[in-house]
């Protein structure tokens, strides 16, 4: 019997990087780009979560974490946009 090693899904890895990058870009003063990046990270996280159903692909928790971070990043970027408009 062969031992199949799981590999982390590429979309899960890209989704977590995009979610973290969204926070960074928003706090650097570019909330519109942060919102766009966050809007990309959520669907990538969903794709990673669906692909993690395969026994050869891992990264289910990473995808779930990136979805949560992406939703939070959407909220943060909207708050930063409001702050830029007000101040």
PDB file of N, CA and C in Angstrom:
ATOM      1  N   UNK A   1       0.835  -1.164   0.000  1.00  0.00           N
ATOM      2  CA  UNK A   1       0.000   0.000   0.000  1.00  0.00           C
ATOM      3  C   UNK A   1       0.890   1.241   0.000  1.00  0.00           C
ATOM      4  N   UNK A   2       0.623   2.145  -0.919  1.00  0.00           N
ATOM      5  CA  UNK A   2       1.396   3.383  -1.013  1.00  0.00           C
ATOM      6  C   UNK A   2       0.900   4.388   0.003  1.00  0.00           C
ATOM      7  N   UNK A   3       1.838   5.152   0.501  1.00  0.00           N
ATOM      8  CA  UNK A   3       1.481   6.203   1.445  1.00  0.00           C
ATOM      9  C   UNK A   3       1.390   7.518   0.679  1.00  0.00           C
ATOM     10  N   UNK A   4       0.212   8.091   0.640  1.00  0.00           N
ATOM     11  CA  UNK A   4       0.002   9.366  -0.046  1.00  0.00           C
ATOM     12  C   UNK A   4       0.221  10.499   0.934  1.00  0.00           C
ATOM     13  N   UNK A   5       1.207  11.312   0.674  1.00  0.00           N
ATOM     14  CA  UNK A   5       1.455  12.457   1.528  1.00  0.00           C
ATOM     15  C   UNK A   5       0.599  13.620   1.060  1.00  0.00           C
ATOM     16  N   UNK A   6      -0.001  14.304   2.024  1.00  0.00           N
ATOM     17  CA  UNK A   6      -0.812  15.459   1.677  1.00  0.00           C
ATOM     18  C   UNK A   6       0.081  16.649   1.388  1.00  0.00           C
ATOM     19  N   UNK A   7      -0.337  17.432   0.432  1.00  0.00           N
ATOM     20  CA  UNK A   7       0.347  18.677   0.110  1.00  0.00           C
ATOM     21  C   UNK A   7      -0.642  19.804   0.325  1.00  0.00           C
ATOM     22  N   UNK A   8      -0.150  20.916   0.847  1.00  0.00           N
ATOM     23  CA  UNK A   8      -1.027  22.068   1.059  1.00  0.00           C
ATOM     24  C   UNK A   8      -1.473  22.610  -0.295  1.00  0.00           C
ATOM     25  N   UNK A   9      -2.721  22.943  -0.392  1.00  0.00           N
ATOM     26  CA  UNK A   9      -3.272  23.458  -1.640  1.00  0.00           C
ATOM     27  C   UNK A   9      -2.719  24.833  -1.962  1.00  0.00           C
ATOM     28  N   UNK A  10      -2.454  25.064  -3.222  1.00  0.00           N
ATOM     29  CA  UNK A  10      -1.908  26.351  -3.662  1.00  0.00           C
ATOM     30  C   UNK A  10      -2.901  27.474  -3.420  1.00  0.00           C
ATOM     31  N   UNK A  11      -4.179  27.220  -3.678  1.00  0.00           N
ATOM     32  CA  UNK A  11      -5.167  28.280  -3.484  1.00  0.00           C
ATOM     33  C   UNK A  11      -5.308  28.647  -2.016  1.00  0.00           C
ATOM     34  N   UNK A  12      -5.131  27.678  -1.121  1.00  0.00           N
ATOM     35  CA  UNK A  12      -5.185  27.978   0.313  1.00  0.00           C
ATOM     36  C   UNK A  12      -4.016  28.869   0.715  1.00  0.00           C
ATOM     37  N   UNK A  13      -2.850  28.578   0.188  1.00  0.00           N
ATOM     38  CA  UNK A  13      -1.667  29.372   0.502  1.00  0.00           C
ATOM     39  C   UNK A  13      -1.792  30.788  -0.061  1.00  0.00           C
ATOM     40  N   UNK A  14      -2.253  30.903  -1.292  1.00  0.00           N
ATOM     41  CA  UNK A  14      -2.430  32.224  -1.908  1.00  0.00           C
ATOM     42  C   UNK A  14      -3.518  33.006  -1.175  1.00  0.00           C
ATOM     43  N   UNK A  15      -4.558  32.326  -0.721  1.00  0.00           N
ATOM     44  CA  UNK A  15      -5.654  33.000  -0.018  1.00  0.00           C
ATOM     45  C   UNK A  15      -5.187  33.579   1.308  1.00  0.00           C
ATOM     46  N   UNK A  16      -4.367  32.853   2.044  1.00  0.00           N
ATOM     47  CA  UNK A  16      -3.894  33.370   3.329  1.00  0.00           C
ATOM     48  C   UNK A  16      -2.921  34.521   3.125  1.00  0.00           C
ATOM     49  N   UNK A  17      -2.112  34.453   2.082  1.00  0.00           N
ATOM     50  CA  UNK A  17      -1.197  35.559   1.776  1.00  0.00           C
ATOM     51  C   UNK A  17      -1.994  36.791   1.348  1.00  0.00           C
ATOM     52  N   UNK A  18      -3.039  36.585   0.550  1.00  0.00           N
ATOM     53  CA  UNK A  18      -3.869  37.711   0.108  1.00  0.00           C
ATOM     54  C   UNK A  18      -4.613  38.349   1.276  1.00  0.00           C
ATOM     55  N   UNK A  19      -5.113  37.531   2.191  1.00  0.00           N
ATOM     56  CA  UNK A  19      -5.833  38.080   3.346  1.00  0.00           C
ATOM     57  C   UNK A  19      -4.894  38.897   4.224  1.00  0.00           C
ATOM     58  N   UNK A  20      -3.704  38.378   4.477  1.00  0.00           N
ATOM     59  CA  UNK A  20      -2.739  39.128   5.288  1.00  0.00           C
ATOM     60  C   UNK A  20      -2.269  40.378   4.560  1.00  0.00           C
ATOM     61  N   UNK A  21      -2.077  40.275   3.256  1.00  0.00           N
ATOM     62  CA  UNK A  21      -1.669  41.433   2.459  1.00  0.00           C
ATOM     63  C   UNK A  21      -2.733  42.508   2.413  1.00  0.00           C
ATOM     64  N   UNK A  22      -3.982  42.110   2.502  1.00  0.00           N
ATOM     65  CA  UNK A  22      -5.065  43.081   2.504  1.00  0.00           C
ATOM     66  C   UNK A  22      -5.007  43.973   3.736  1.00  0.00           C
ATOM     67  N   UNK A  23      -4.717  43.372   4.894  1.00  0.00           N
ATOM     68  CA  UNK A  23      -4.563  44.173   6.108  1.00  0.00           C
ATOM     69  C   UNK A  23      -3.405  45.154   5.947  1.00  0.00           C
ATOM     70  N   UNK A  24      -2.307  44.669   5.431  1.00  0.00           N
ATOM     71  CA  UNK A  24      -1.116  45.502   5.268  1.00  0.00           C
ATOM     72  C   UNK A  24      -1.388  46.677   4.328  1.00  0.00           C
ATOM     73  N   UNK A  25      -1.995  46.391   3.205  1.00  0.00           N
ATOM     74  CA  UNK A  25      -2.274  47.437   2.219  1.00  0.00           C
ATOM     75  C   UNK A  25      -3.293  48.444   2.765  1.00  0.00           C
ATOM     76  N   UNK A  26      -4.299  47.962   3.479  1.00  0.00           N
ATOM     77  CA  UNK A  26      -5.299  48.872   4.047  1.00  0.00           C
ATOM     78  C   UNK A  26      -4.669  49.814   5.066  1.00  0.00           C
ATOM     79  N   UNK A  27      -3.820  49.274   5.930  1.00  0.00           N
ATOM     80  CA  UNK A  27      -3.207  50.096   6.966  1.00  0.00           C
ATOM     81  C   UNK A  27      -2.107  51.002   6.423  1.00  0.00           C
ATOM     82  N   UNK A  28      -1.663  50.745   5.209  1.00  0.00           N
ATOM     83  CA  UNK A  28      -0.690  51.637   4.583  1.00  0.00           C
ATOM     84  C   UNK A  28      -1.374  52.822   3.915  1.00  0.00           C
ATOM     85  N   UNK A  29      -2.695  52.857   3.945  1.00  0.00           N
ATOM     86  CA  UNK A  29      -3.419  54.001   3.419  1.00  0.00           C
ATOM     87  C   UNK A  29      -4.065  53.787   2.076  1.00  0.00           C
ATOM     88  N   UNK A  30      -4.181  52.549   1.639  1.00  0.00           N
ATOM     89  CA  UNK A  30      -4.801  52.240   0.354  1.00  0.00           C
ATOM     90  C   UNK A  30      -5.966  51.259   0.577  1.00  0.00           C
ATOM     91  N   UNK A  31      -7.054  51.744   1.201  1.00  0.00           N
ATOM     92  CA  UNK A  31      -8.129  50.816   1.558  1.00  0.00           C
ATOM     93  C   UNK A  31      -8.881  50.232   0.368  1.00  0.00           C
ATOM     94  N   UNK A  32      -8.896  50.922  -0.768  1.00  0.00           N
ATOM     95  CA  UNK A  32      -9.593  50.384  -1.937  1.00  0.00           C
ATOM     96  C   UNK A  32      -8.857  49.151  -2.464  1.00  0.00           C
ATOM     97  N   UNK A  33      -7.527  49.236  -2.536  1.00  0.00           N
ATOM     98  CA  UNK A  33      -6.747  48.063  -2.958  1.00  0.00           C
ATOM     99  C   UNK A  33      -6.847  46.949  -1.921  1.00  0.00           C
ATOM    100  N   UNK A  34      -6.894  47.341  -0.646  1.00  0.00           N
ATOM    101  CA  UNK A  34      -7.068  46.348   0.414  1.00  0.00           C
ATOM    102  C   UNK A  34      -8.387  45.619   0.295  1.00  0.00           C
ATOM    103  N   UNK A  35      -9.433  46.361  -0.061  1.00  0.00           N
ATOM    104  CA  UNK A  35     -10.745  45.739  -0.250  1.00  0.00           C
ATOM    105  C   UNK A  35     -10.730  44.786  -1.439  1.00  0.00           C
ATOM    106  N   UNK A  36     -10.090  45.198  -2.518  1.00  0.00           N
ATOM    107  CA  UNK A  36     -10.017  44.315  -3.695  1.00  0.00           C
ATOM    108  C   UNK A  36      -9.248  43.034  -3.391  1.00  0.00           C
ATOM    109  N   UNK A  37      -8.154  43.173  -2.663  1.00  0.00           N
ATOM    110  CA  UNK A  37      -7.371  41.986  -2.316  1.00  0.00           C
ATOM    111  C   UNK A  37      -8.164  41.081  -1.378  1.00  0.00           C
ATOM    112  N   UNK A  38      -8.892  41.678  -0.434  1.00  0.00           N
ATOM    113  CA  UNK A  38      -9.716  40.883   0.476  1.00  0.00           C
ATOM    114  C   UNK A  38     -10.828  40.167  -0.277  1.00  0.00           C
ATOM    115  N   UNK A  39     -11.394  40.842  -1.280  1.00  0.00           N
ATOM    116  CA  UNK A  39     -12.444  40.211  -2.078  1.00  0.00           C
ATOM    117  C   UNK A  39     -11.908  39.067  -2.929  1.00  0.00           C
ATOM    118  N   UNK A  40     -10.608  39.062  -3.194  1.00  0.00           N
ATOM    119  CA  UNK A  40      -9.986  37.948  -3.912  1.00  0.00           C
ATOM    120  C   UNK A  40      -9.690  36.793  -2.955  1.00  0.00           C
ATOM    121  N   UNK A  41      -9.319  37.122  -1.722  1.00  0.00           N
ATOM    122  CA  UNK A  41      -8.907  36.078  -0.785  1.00  0.00           C
ATOM    123  C   UNK A  41     -10.063  35.179  -0.351  1.00  0.00           C
ATOM    124  N   UNK A  42     -11.261  35.720  -0.255  1.00  0.00           N
ATOM    125  CA  UNK A  42     -12.395  34.900   0.204  1.00  0.00           C
ATOM    126  C   UNK A  42     -12.746  33.804  -0.803  1.00  0.00           C
ATOM    127  N   UNK A  43     -12.930  34.109  -2.098  1.00  0.00           N
ATOM    128  CA  UNK A  43     -13.206  33.007  -3.038  1.00  0.00           C
ATOM    129  C   UNK A  43     -12.045  32.013  -3.170  1.00  0.00           C
ATOM    130  N   UNK A  44     -10.812  32.505  -3.068  1.00  0.00           N
ATOM    131  CA  UNK A  44      -9.678  31.577  -3.100  1.00  0.00           C
ATOM    132  C   UNK A  44      -9.701  30.644  -1.899  1.00  0.00           C
ATOM    133  N   UNK A  45     -10.097  31.174  -0.745  1.00  0.00           N
ATOM    134  CA  UNK A  45     -10.231  30.327   0.435  1.00  0.00           C
ATOM    135  C   UNK A  45     -11.313  29.282   0.278  1.00  0.00           C
ATOM    136  N   UNK A  46     -12.408  29.661  -0.364  1.00  0.00           N
ATOM    137  CA  UNK A  46     -13.498  28.706  -0.612  1.00  0.00           C
ATOM    138  C   UNK A  46     -13.031  27.618  -1.577  1.00  0.00           C
ATOM    139  N   UNK A  47     -12.307  28.014  -2.620  1.00  0.00           N
ATOM    140  CA  UNK A  47     -11.772  27.025  -3.564  1.00  0.00           C
ATOM    141  C   UNK A  47     -10.797  26.084  -2.850  1.00  0.00           C
ATOM    142  N   UNK A  48      -9.949  26.645  -2.002  1.00  0.00           N
ATOM    143  CA  UNK A  48      -9.017  25.814  -1.238  1.00  0.00           C
ATOM    144  C   UNK A  48      -9.732  24.862  -0.302  1.00  0.00           C
ATOM    145  N   UNK A  49     -10.832  25.315   0.289  1.00  0.00           N
ATOM    146  CA  UNK A  49     -11.607  24.460   1.188  1.00  0.00           C
ATOM    147  C   UNK A  49     -12.263  23.313   0.426  1.00  0.00           C
ATOM    148  N   UNK A  50     -12.769  23.612  -0.762  1.00  0.00           N
ATOM    149  CA  UNK A  50     -13.385  22.562  -1.582  1.00  0.00           C
ATOM    150  C   UNK A  50     -12.321  21.568  -2.060  1.00  0.00           C
ATOM    151  N   UNK A  51     -11.162  22.083  -2.447  1.00  0.00           N
ATOM    152  CA  UNK A  51     -10.094  21.188  -2.913  1.00  0.00           C
ATOM    153  C   UNK A  51      -9.518  20.350  -1.775  1.00  0.00           C
ATOM    154  N   UNK A  52      -9.631  20.826  -0.544  1.00  0.00           N
ATOM    155  CA  UNK A  52      -9.103  20.079   0.592  1.00  0.00           C
ATOM    156  C   UNK A  52      -9.931  18.835   0.889  1.00  0.00           C
ATOM    157  N   UNK A  53     -11.068  18.688   0.247  1.00  0.00           N
ATOM    158  CA  UNK A  53     -11.868  17.480   0.419  1.00  0.00           C
ATOM    159  C   UNK A  53     -11.172  16.266  -0.191  1.00  0.00           C
ATOM    160  N   UNK A  54     -10.252  16.505  -1.109  1.00  0.00           N
ATOM    161  CA  UNK A  54      -9.478  15.418  -1.704  1.00  0.00           C
ATOM    162  C   UNK A  54      -8.460  14.908  -0.689  1.00  0.00           C
ATOM    163  N   UNK A  55      -8.251  13.607  -0.624  1.00  0.00           N
ATOM    164  CA  UNK A  55      -7.277  13.087   0.345  1.00  0.00           C
ATOM    165  C   UNK A  55      -5.828  13.450   0.008  1.00  0.00           C
ATOM    166  N   UNK A  56      -5.557  13.871  -1.208  1.00  0.00           N
ATOM    167  CA  UNK A  56      -4.190  14.230  -1.596  1.00  0.00           C
ATOM    168  C   UNK A  56      -3.858  15.690  -1.311  1.00  0.00           C
ATOM    169  N   UNK A  57      -4.871  16.497  -1.075  1.00  0.00           N
ATOM    170  CA  UNK A  57      -4.661  17.931  -0.876  1.00  0.00           C
ATOM    171  C   UNK A  57      -5.053  18.288   0.546  1.00  0.00           C
ATOM    172  N   UNK A  58      -4.150  18.973   1.224  1.00  0.00           N
ATOM    173  CA  UNK A  58      -4.428  19.440   2.573  1.00  0.00           C
ATOM    174  C   UNK A  58      -4.722  20.927   2.554  1.00  0.00           C
ATOM    175  N   UNK A  59      -4.763  21.506   3.722  1.00  0.00           N
ATOM    176  CA  UNK A  59      -4.950  22.947   3.815  1.00  0.00           C
ATOM    177  C   UNK A  59      -6.367  23.370   4.086  1.00  0.00           C
ATOM    178  N   UNK A  60      -7.184  22.470   4.622  1.00  0.00           N
ATOM    179  CA  UNK A  60      -8.560  22.814   4.917  1.00  0.00           C
ATOM    180  C   UNK A  60      -8.665  23.867   6.007  1.00  0.00           C
ATOM    181  N   UNK A  61      -7.893  23.698   7.072  1.00  0.00           N
ATOM    182  CA  UNK A  61      -7.907  24.681   8.152  1.00  0.00           C
ATOM    183  C   UNK A  61      -7.297  25.999   7.704  1.00  0.00           C
ATOM    184  N   UNK A  62      -6.282  25.922   6.874  1.00  0.00           N
ATOM    185  CA  UNK A  62      -5.662  27.132   6.335  1.00  0.00           C
ATOM    186  C   UNK A  62      -6.662  27.902   5.482  1.00  0.00           C
ATOM    187  N   UNK A  63      -7.455  27.193   4.708  1.00  0.00           N
ATOM    188  CA  UNK A  63      -8.479  27.833   3.882  1.00  0.00           C
ATOM    189  C   UNK A  63      -9.567  28.456   4.741  1.00  0.00           C
ATOM    190  N   UNK A  64      -9.980  27.748   5.777  1.00  0.00           N
ATOM    191  CA  UNK A  64     -10.998  28.280   6.671  1.00  0.00           C
ATOM    192  C   UNK A  64     -10.489  29.528   7.380  1.00  0.00           C
ATOM    193  N   UNK A  65      -9.249  29.484   7.807  1.00  0.00           N
ATOM    194  CA  UNK A  65      -8.635  30.641   8.459  1.00  0.00           C
ATOM    195  C   UNK A  65      -8.528  31.818   7.496  1.00  0.00           C
ATOM    196  N   UNK A  66      -8.214  31.544   6.235  1.00  0.00           N
ATOM    197  CA  UNK A  66      -8.106  32.634   5.256  1.00  0.00           C
ATOM    198  C   UNK A  66      -9.472  33.241   4.936  1.00  0.00           C
ATOM    199  N   UNK A  67     -10.526  32.440   4.959  1.00  0.00           N
ATOM    200  CA  UNK A  67     -11.874  32.977   4.748  1.00  0.00           C
ATOM    201  C   UNK A  67     -12.239  33.914   5.895  1.00  0.00           C
ATOM    202  N   UNK A  68     -11.952  33.494   7.121  1.00  0.00           N
ATOM    203  CA  UNK A  68     -12.248  34.338   8.284  1.00  0.00           C
ATOM    204  C   UNK A  68     -11.425  35.617   8.240  1.00  0.00           C
ATOM    205  N   UNK A  69     -10.141  35.504   7.917  1.00  0.00           N
ATOM    206  CA  UNK A  69      -9.294  36.696   7.800  1.00  0.00           C
ATOM    207  C   UNK A  69      -9.753  37.597   6.658  1.00  0.00           C
ATOM    208  N   UNK A  70     -10.188  37.011   5.557  1.00  0.00           N
ATOM    209  CA  UNK A  70     -10.660  37.794   4.419  1.00  0.00           C
ATOM    210  C   UNK A  70     -11.913  38.577   4.742  1.00  0.00           C
ATOM    211  N   UNK A  71     -12.839  37.955   5.480  1.00  0.00           N
ATOM    212  CA  UNK A  71     -14.055  38.660   5.878  1.00  0.00           C
ATOM    213  C   UNK A  71     -13.712  39.794   6.834  1.00  0.00           C
ATOM    214  N   UNK A  72     -12.787  39.533   7.759  1.00  0.00           N
ATOM    215  CA  UNK A  72     -12.340  40.601   8.654  1.00  0.00           C
ATOM    216  C   UNK A  72     -11.632  41.713   7.902  1.00  0.00           C
ATOM    217  N   UNK A  73     -10.865  41.346   6.887  1.00  0.00           N
ATOM    218  CA  UNK A  73     -10.146  42.347   6.090  1.00  0.00           C
ATOM    219  C   UNK A  73     -11.110  43.219   5.294  1.00  0.00           C
ATOM    220  N   UNK A  74     -12.222  42.645   4.856  1.00  0.00           N
ATOM    221  CA  UNK A  74     -13.232  43.448   4.170  1.00  0.00           C
ATOM    222  C   UNK A  74     -13.779  44.503   5.122  1.00  0.00           C
ATOM    223  N   UNK A  75     -14.088  44.090   6.340  1.00  0.00           N
ATOM    224  CA  UNK A  75     -14.594  45.028   7.331  1.00  0.00           C
ATOM    225  C   UNK A  75     -13.587  46.104   7.688  1.00  0.00           C
ATOM    226  N   UNK A  76     -12.341  45.706   7.876  1.00  0.00           N
ATOM    227  CA  UNK A  76     -11.290  46.673   8.218  1.00  0.00           C
ATOM    228  C   UNK A  76     -11.081  47.666   7.086  1.00  0.00           C
ATOM    229  N   UNK A  77     -11.059  47.196   5.847  1.00  0.00           N
ATOM    230  CA  UNK A  77     -10.827  48.115   4.729  1.00  0.00           C
ATOM    231  C   UNK A  77     -11.982  49.101   4.572  1.00  0.00           C
ATOM    232  N   UNK A  78     -13.201  48.650   4.852  1.00  0.00           N
ATOM    233  CA  UNK A  78     -14.344  49.570   4.806  1.00  0.00           C
ATOM    234  C   UNK A  78     -14.229  50.613   5.914  1.00  0.00           C
ATOM    235  N   UNK A  79     -13.828  50.178   7.110  1.00  0.00           N
ATOM    236  CA  UNK A  79     -13.632  51.137   8.204  1.00  0.00           C
ATOM    237  C   UNK A  79     -12.515  52.126   7.894  1.00  0.00           C
ATOM    238  N   UNK A  80     -11.445  51.648   7.274  1.00  0.00           N
ATOM    239  CA  UNK A  80     -10.346  52.536   6.904  1.00  0.00           C
ATOM    240  C   UNK A  80     -10.801  53.530   5.841  1.00  0.00           C
ATOM    241  N   UNK A  81     -11.630  53.083   4.888  1.00  0.00           N
ATOM    242  CA  UNK A  81     -12.164  54.007   3.880  1.00  0.00           C
ATOM    243  C   UNK A  81     -13.009  55.093   4.521  1.00  0.00           C
ATOM    244  N   UNK A  82     -13.831  54.706   5.494  1.00  0.00           N
ATOM    245  CA  UNK A  82     -14.636  55.703   6.205  1.00  0.00           C
ATOM    246  C   UNK A  82     -13.730  56.673   6.953  1.00  0.00           C
ATOM    247  N   UNK A  83     -12.673  56.159   7.565  1.00  0.00           N
ATOM    248  CA  UNK A  83     -11.732  57.027   8.269  1.00  0.00           C
ATOM    249  C   UNK A  83     -11.011  57.974   7.340  1.00  0.00           C
ATOM    250  N   UNK A  84     -10.672  57.528   6.147  1.00  0.00           N
ATOM    251  CA  UNK A  84     -10.003  58.395   5.174  1.00  0.00           C
ATOM    252  C   UNK A  84     -10.959  59.481   4.707  1.00  0.00           C
ATOM    253  N   UNK A  85     -12.223  59.144   4.526  1.00  0.00           N
ATOM    254  CA  UNK A  85     -13.202  60.137   4.086  1.00  0.00           C
ATOM    255  C   UNK A  85     -13.442  61.179   5.175  1.00  0.00           C
ATOM    256  N   UNK A  86     -13.564  60.739   6.407  1.00  0.00           N
ATOM    257  CA  UNK A  86     -13.874  61.652   7.518  1.00  0.00           C
ATOM    258  C   UNK A  86     -12.665  62.514   7.865  1.00  0.00           C
ATOM    259  N   UNK A  87     -11.502  61.905   7.958  1.00  0.00           N
ATOM    260  CA  UNK A  87     -10.314  62.649   8.387  1.00  0.00           C
ATOM    261  C   UNK A  87      -9.468  62.986   7.203  1.00  0.00           C
TER     262      UNK A  87
END
